[in-house]
Every structure is written in C-alpha cells, then in structure tokens.
Amino acid sequence: MIELTHKEIKERLLNILINYQEFCDDHNLKMYLCAGTLLGAVRHHGFIPWDDDIDVCMDRDSYNKVMNIAKKHSVFNGHYKITDFQFHDSSYPFIKVVDLQTKMSQQFENDEADYLWIDVFPMDGLPADKQQQKTLYRKIAVVRELQMLSFAKVGQGRSIAKKILKPLVIPFAKIYGLKRANRTLNRLSQTYDFHETGWIGDVMWGDYDKETLTTDDYFQSTKVSFEGHEFDTMKCWDKYLTDLYGDDYMDVPPKSKQVNHCLKAWLR
C-alpha cells in the first residue's frame, strides 16, 4: 500500500464530498456544510489548514431517505459507500460516507470502518423550552461518552488525565455496549419532531445550545465556496458559526488549539 500525504488525504476527502453531493442531487436531497467544514469554507474558502475531516448535515427527513436508499444500494459512483451502525459496518450512530479505495488508522480510536470518510449528521427536532433542551442533551452526553469509550484505544489521549482515566472507565463502557449506545443515541436524538416544535439542531453529536436553530432559519439556504466548489449551507451561517465558535471565529487560533484526528491513510 502507498501512504498518502496530508495533501493527498484532503484531496480524497474532497472527492468523497463532491461525489456525495452528486448522490444527493441525483435524489433531490439537501445537504449542508456544517461545523468545522463550514468554518473552513467561510474563513479559508476550503479546509482549515491543519484539519483532516469534513462534516455535513441533513435534516432528519432527508437523512432517513439516504438510509432507505443505502439499505438497497450503499455503494455509489464506483467506490464510495454509505456506512452506519445499523448496517453493521460502522462504530458510529450516524452516517459516514467512505472511500473504499483507502485504508485509514486513527491514533485514539479502533473503528470498525478503516476507510477515509466524511461525517453526515442528522439534524433533529428540539423542544422550544431551554430546560427541556438541556435535559435531553444531558442524557445524550452520558450515552455519547460511553459510546466513544467503548472503542477507544487504551493508553492514548490528548491529555495525561485522559490517558490515565481511560483504562479505568473503558471496562464500564464495554459492559454497556457499543451497539446499545448507538441504538440509544439514535432513539434519543429523535425524541422531538422539528415539524412540530419549530426548532432543529445536531442533537445526536452537537454541542448543547450551540447548534440550535429555528426551522425557518435552517431551511433557508445559501451557497459557500469550499476548495473551488460550491456547496449549500444554512443562510444564517454567521449566527451558526458565532454560536458554535464565538464572535472571533474568523481569527486563526493559536498552535496549541490547532488539533486534528491524527490519522494516517494509504491507498489499498
């Protein structure tokens, strides 16, 4: 196998994104750039220089349509595949679109799917009441921690504290179980229907109160440029990025905060 450079990894990730956009267009589905990828589009017109992943989101209705299509045809455009824990080919409770021509290894995780990937997060309903939102996110935060620890690498961590604590708590996470955690996250994230509440957010994997939008704001879209290509995102992207990263989101952070997935990748 041939090891990919950081630049080549980004090129493969961009190709996954472009091909998934084509897949969504073919099925008349809306996909948005979000999180760090949207920040990269706005601040750098592409990847955040030190970053090595791509995040997109879809409203739950569109997301479920992708899942239904993938149940019959999960591979598209030759070597791209839609994976999810429900298909028994991913450790995560949300869709990852992978490049089957690659092999990948991460420093901190033992994932079942060892391909380069982009994340596809479902955007779900939230209650209008802030206390009810907080209660829901607290439940999800506990299960999400168990989910991540259930396949974390012992002795690896971004801090000394995590390296020390992981061996102590991983056994409890494994007892709870990865499949159980994923099923619970999938269920909890769909507690509320955004059609009824008028509020939507990345309930499953987002930060509490930082990715919460009204449906009116979310479903108004605009185009942003990412690595020379145009992609959709929410029209209120400035508010979204401010809530998520702060008023100074256009400022480049110091070296100490420039983190990535610490991954290596090869062509198969």
Protein backbone atom coordinates (compact mmCIF):
# COMPACT_ATOMS: atom_id res chain seq x y z
CA MET A 1 0.00 0.00 0.00
CA ILE A 2 1.05 3.59 -0.68
CA GLU A 3 0.87 6.05 2.23
CA LEU A 4 -0.95 9.28 1.43
CA THR A 5 0.41 12.70 2.27
CA HIS A 6 -1.70 15.18 4.25
CA LYS A 7 -2.46 16.99 0.98
CA GLU A 8 -3.48 13.75 -0.73
CA ILE A 9 -5.73 12.84 2.20
CA LYS A 10 -7.54 16.15 1.78
CA GLU A 11 -7.91 15.54 -1.95
CA ARG A 12 -9.53 12.15 -1.27
CA LEU A 13 -11.84 13.70 1.34
CA LEU A 14 -12.87 16.44 -1.07
CA ASN A 15 -13.67 13.81 -3.70
CA ILE A 16 -15.90 11.97 -1.21
CA LEU A 17 -17.75 15.25 -0.56
CA ILE A 18 -18.16 16.02 -4.27
CA ASN A 19 -19.45 12.54 -5.01
CA TYR A 20 -21.84 12.58 -2.07
CA GLN A 21 -23.15 15.95 -3.26
CA GLU A 22 -23.81 14.35 -6.65
CA PHE A 23 -25.59 11.48 -4.91
CA CYS A 24 -27.79 13.94 -3.01
CA ASP A 25 -28.51 15.95 -6.17
CA ASP A 26 -29.50 12.77 -8.03
CA HIS A 27 -32.06 12.00 -5.30
CA ASN A 28 -33.19 15.61 -4.79
CA LEU A 29 -31.86 15.75 -1.23
CA LYS A 30 -30.47 18.79 0.59
CA MET A 31 -27.03 18.56 2.22
CA TYR A 32 -25.31 21.36 4.14
CA LEU A 33 -21.70 22.04 5.08
CA CYS A 34 -21.55 22.41 8.86
CA ALA A 35 -19.24 22.64 11.90
CA GLY A 36 -15.52 22.92 11.10
CA THR A 37 -16.05 22.41 7.38
CA LEU A 38 -18.37 25.41 7.20
CA LEU A 39 -15.89 27.41 9.29
CA GLY A 40 -13.17 26.42 6.83
CA ALA A 41 -15.33 27.48 3.88
CA VAL A 42 -16.03 30.91 5.40
CA ARG A 43 -12.58 31.62 6.87
CA HIS A 44 -10.26 29.80 4.44
CA HIS A 45 -12.53 29.08 1.43
CA GLY A 46 -11.64 25.42 1.95
CA PHE A 47 -10.11 23.14 4.55
CA ILE A 48 -8.91 24.59 7.81
CA PRO A 49 -5.17 24.19 7.09
CA TRP A 50 -4.45 21.77 9.97
CA ASP A 51 -7.77 19.92 9.78
CA ASP A 52 -8.33 16.49 8.24
CA ASP A 53 -12.07 15.85 8.18
CA ILE A 54 -15.30 17.00 6.53
CA ASP A 55 -18.65 17.49 8.29
CA VAL A 56 -22.02 17.82 6.60
CA CYS A 57 -25.56 17.67 7.93
CA MET A 58 -29.03 16.82 6.67
CA ASP A 59 -32.47 17.30 8.15
CA ARG A 60 -33.85 14.02 9.54
CA ASP A 61 -36.34 13.58 6.66
CA SER A 62 -33.56 13.77 4.03
CA TYR A 63 -31.24 11.71 6.23
CA ASN A 64 -33.80 8.90 6.52
CA LYS A 65 -34.22 8.88 2.74
CA VAL A 66 -30.46 8.33 2.40
CA MET A 67 -30.69 5.46 4.86
CA ASN A 68 -33.54 3.86 2.91
CA ILE A 69 -31.62 4.14 -0.36
CA ALA A 70 -28.47 2.73 1.25
CA LYS A 71 -30.34 -0.32 2.55
CA LYS A 72 -30.61 -1.42 -1.09
CA HIS A 73 -27.59 0.29 -2.69
CA SER A 74 -24.98 1.51 -0.21
CA VAL A 75 -22.16 1.76 -2.78
CA PHE A 76 -22.37 4.55 -5.37
CA ASN A 77 -20.14 6.11 -8.04
CA GLY A 78 -17.88 3.05 -8.05
CA HIS A 79 -16.03 3.12 -4.74
CA TYR A 80 -17.96 5.29 -2.29
CA LYS A 81 -20.08 3.66 0.38
CA ILE A 82 -22.69 4.87 2.88
CA THR A 83 -21.98 3.22 6.25
CA ASP A 84 -23.88 3.26 9.55
CA PHE A 85 -24.08 1.13 12.71
CA GLN A 86 -27.46 -0.15 11.51
CA PHE A 87 -25.69 -1.71 8.53
CA HIS A 88 -23.11 -3.32 10.86
CA ASP A 89 -20.21 -1.60 9.11
CA SER A 90 -19.52 1.38 11.39
CA SER A 91 -18.92 2.11 15.08
CA TYR A 92 -20.88 5.37 14.91
CA PRO A 93 -24.59 6.21 15.27
CA PHE A 94 -24.57 8.49 12.20
CA ILE A 95 -23.72 8.03 8.53
CA LYS A 96 -20.14 8.04 7.35
CA VAL A 97 -19.51 8.11 3.60
CA VAL A 98 -16.26 6.25 2.96
CA ASP A 99 -13.75 5.81 0.14
CA LEU A 100 -13.33 2.06 -0.37
CA GLN A 101 -10.02 2.57 -2.17
CA THR A 102 -8.33 3.74 1.02
CA LYS A 103 -7.19 2.36 4.36
CA MET A 104 -7.06 4.56 7.45
CA SER A 105 -5.75 4.42 11.02
CA GLN A 106 -6.51 6.85 13.88
CA GLN A 107 -4.41 7.44 16.95
CA PHE A 108 -7.20 7.43 19.52
CA GLU A 109 -9.85 5.02 18.19
CA ASN A 110 -10.40 1.46 16.99
CA ASP A 111 -13.13 1.96 14.41
CA GLU A 112 -14.66 -0.96 12.51
CA ALA A 113 -14.63 1.01 9.24
CA ASP A 114 -10.99 1.70 8.37
CA TYR A 115 -11.54 3.96 5.34
CA LEU A 116 -11.20 7.68 4.80
CA TRP A 117 -14.60 9.21 5.43
CA ILE A 118 -16.83 12.26 5.73
CA ASP A 119 -19.39 12.59 8.54
CA VAL A 120 -23.10 13.08 7.81
CA PHE A 121 -25.01 14.28 10.88
CA PRO A 122 -28.81 14.17 11.19
CA MET A 123 -30.48 17.42 12.23
CA ASP A 124 -33.34 16.60 14.59
CA GLY A 125 -36.11 18.37 16.43
CA LEU A 126 -35.65 20.16 19.74
CA PRO A 127 -38.20 21.44 22.24
CA ALA A 128 -38.67 25.22 22.44
CA ASP A 129 -38.16 25.12 26.20
CA LYS A 130 -34.47 25.61 27.07
CA GLN A 131 -34.65 23.46 30.19
CA GLN A 132 -36.11 20.56 28.20
CA GLN A 133 -33.33 21.02 25.64
CA LYS A 134 -30.75 20.89 28.42
CA THR A 135 -32.27 17.72 29.89
CA LEU A 136 -32.20 15.99 26.51
CA TYR A 137 -28.59 16.98 25.82
CA ARG A 138 -27.50 15.78 29.25
CA LYS A 139 -28.95 12.32 28.58
CA ILE A 140 -27.26 12.20 25.21
CA ALA A 141 -23.91 13.41 26.59
CA VAL A 142 -23.73 10.49 29.03
CA VAL A 143 -24.51 7.88 26.38
CA ARG A 144 -22.19 9.52 23.87
CA GLU A 145 -19.30 9.30 26.33
CA LEU A 146 -19.98 5.58 26.82
CA GLN A 147 -20.20 5.17 23.05
CA MET A 148 -16.82 6.77 22.43
CA LEU A 149 -15.07 4.93 25.25
CA SER A 150 -16.37 1.55 24.11
CA PHE A 151 -13.87 1.50 21.21
CA ALA A 152 -11.23 3.97 22.43
CA LYS A 153 -7.59 2.92 22.43
CA VAL A 154 -6.22 2.30 25.92
CA GLY A 155 -3.21 4.46 26.78
CA GLN A 156 -4.00 7.05 24.10
CA GLY A 157 -5.44 10.51 24.77
CA ARG A 158 -4.98 14.21 24.08
CA SER A 159 -4.14 14.83 27.75
CA ILE A 160 -2.35 12.97 30.56
CA ALA A 161 -5.62 12.81 32.53
CA LYS A 162 -7.39 11.04 29.67
CA LYS A 163 -4.53 8.57 29.27
CA ILE A 164 -4.77 7.71 32.96
CA LEU A 165 -8.58 7.61 33.27
CA LYS A 166 -9.36 5.69 30.09
CA PRO A 167 -8.23 2.25 31.39
CA LEU A 168 -10.45 2.76 34.45
CA VAL A 169 -13.68 3.66 32.65
CA ILE A 170 -13.39 1.72 29.37
CA PRO A 171 -14.48 -1.59 31.02
CA PHE A 172 -17.77 0.04 32.14
CA ALA A 173 -18.35 1.40 28.63
CA LYS A 174 -17.77 -2.06 27.15
CA ILE A 175 -20.27 -3.56 29.59
CA TYR A 176 -22.86 -1.00 28.45
CA GLY A 177 -22.00 -1.93 24.87
CA LEU A 178 -21.36 -0.08 21.63
CA LYS A 179 -24.49 -1.32 19.86
CA ARG A 180 -26.68 -0.42 22.83
CA ALA A 181 -25.13 3.05 22.99
CA ASN A 182 -25.68 3.65 19.27
CA ARG A 183 -29.28 2.47 19.42
CA THR A 184 -29.94 4.72 22.41
CA LEU A 185 -28.36 7.76 20.74
CA ASN A 186 -30.40 7.14 17.60
CA ARG A 187 -33.60 6.92 19.64
CA LEU A 188 -32.94 9.89 21.94
CA SER A 189 -31.99 12.18 19.04
CA GLN A 190 -35.45 11.63 17.52
CA THR A 191 -37.39 12.42 20.71
CA TYR A 192 -38.83 15.59 19.15
CA ASP A 193 -40.11 16.33 15.64
CA PHE A 194 -38.87 19.64 14.22
CA HIS A 195 -42.04 19.91 12.13
CA GLU A 196 -43.97 20.22 15.40
CA THR A 197 -41.55 22.18 17.62
CA GLY A 198 -40.12 24.62 15.06
CA TRP A 199 -36.58 24.03 16.42
CA ILE A 200 -33.81 21.93 14.91
CA GLY A 201 -30.22 21.05 15.79
CA ASP A 202 -27.45 18.47 15.79
CA VAL A 203 -28.99 16.65 18.73
CA MET A 204 -27.03 13.43 18.36
CA TRP A 205 -23.47 14.76 18.10
CA GLY A 206 -23.55 18.53 18.53
CA ASP A 207 -22.74 20.87 21.42
CA TYR A 208 -25.60 21.87 23.70
CA ASP A 209 -27.15 25.22 22.80
CA LYS A 210 -24.51 25.87 20.12
CA GLU A 211 -26.11 24.22 17.09
CA THR A 212 -29.73 25.09 17.79
CA LEU A 213 -31.74 26.89 15.11
CA THR A 214 -35.32 27.65 14.26
CA THR A 215 -36.56 25.64 11.30
CA ASP A 216 -37.27 28.90 9.47
CA ASP A 217 -33.60 29.84 9.76
CA TYR A 218 -32.26 26.38 8.99
CA PHE A 219 -34.22 25.70 5.82
CA GLN A 220 -33.24 29.00 4.17
CA SER A 221 -30.06 28.08 2.30
CA THR A 222 -27.20 29.80 0.53
CA LYS A 223 -24.02 28.78 -1.28
CA VAL A 224 -20.47 28.85 0.08
CA SER A 225 -17.18 28.09 -1.65
CA PHE A 226 -15.06 25.17 -0.46
CA GLU A 227 -11.86 24.27 -2.31
CA GLY A 228 -13.17 25.82 -5.52
CA HIS A 229 -16.58 24.12 -5.38
CA GLU A 230 -19.97 25.49 -4.37
CA PHE A 231 -21.99 23.79 -1.61
CA ASP A 232 -25.17 24.58 0.29
CA THR A 233 -25.37 25.67 3.90
CA MET A 234 -27.87 27.49 6.11
CA LYS A 235 -28.37 31.14 5.20
CA CYS A 236 -27.85 32.11 8.85
CA TRP A 237 -24.30 30.73 8.78
CA ASP A 238 -22.88 33.76 10.60
CA LYS A 239 -25.15 33.23 13.62
CA TYR A 240 -24.48 29.50 13.50
CA LEU A 241 -20.69 29.95 13.49
CA THR A 242 -20.85 32.66 16.17
CA ASP A 243 -22.90 30.40 18.46
CA LEU A 244 -20.58 27.48 17.83
CA TYR A 245 -17.14 29.15 17.86
CA GLY A 246 -17.65 32.63 19.32
CA ASP A 247 -17.61 36.20 17.99
CA ASP A 248 -13.97 35.82 16.97
CA TYR A 249 -14.48 32.74 14.77
CA MET A 250 -12.68 34.47 11.88
CA ASP A 251 -9.48 34.69 13.94
CA VAL A 252 -6.99 31.84 13.49
CA PRO A 253 -6.48 30.09 16.86
CA PRO A 254 -3.04 29.57 18.43
CA LYS A 255 -0.98 26.49 17.58
CA SER A 256 -1.99 24.81 20.85
CA LYS A 257 -5.61 24.68 19.72
CA GLN A 258 -4.96 23.54 16.15
CA VAL A 259 -5.96 19.88 16.58
CA ASN A 260 -6.93 17.18 14.11
CA HIS A 261 -7.77 13.46 14.05
CA CYS A 262 -4.11 12.36 13.97
CA LEU A 263 -4.86 9.90 11.20
CA LYS A 264 -2.75 8.10 8.63
CA ALA A 265 -4.10 6.79 5.34
CA TRP A 266 -3.00 4.57 2.46
CA LEU A 267 -4.26 3.60 -0.97
CA ARG A 268 -5.32 -0.05 -0.98
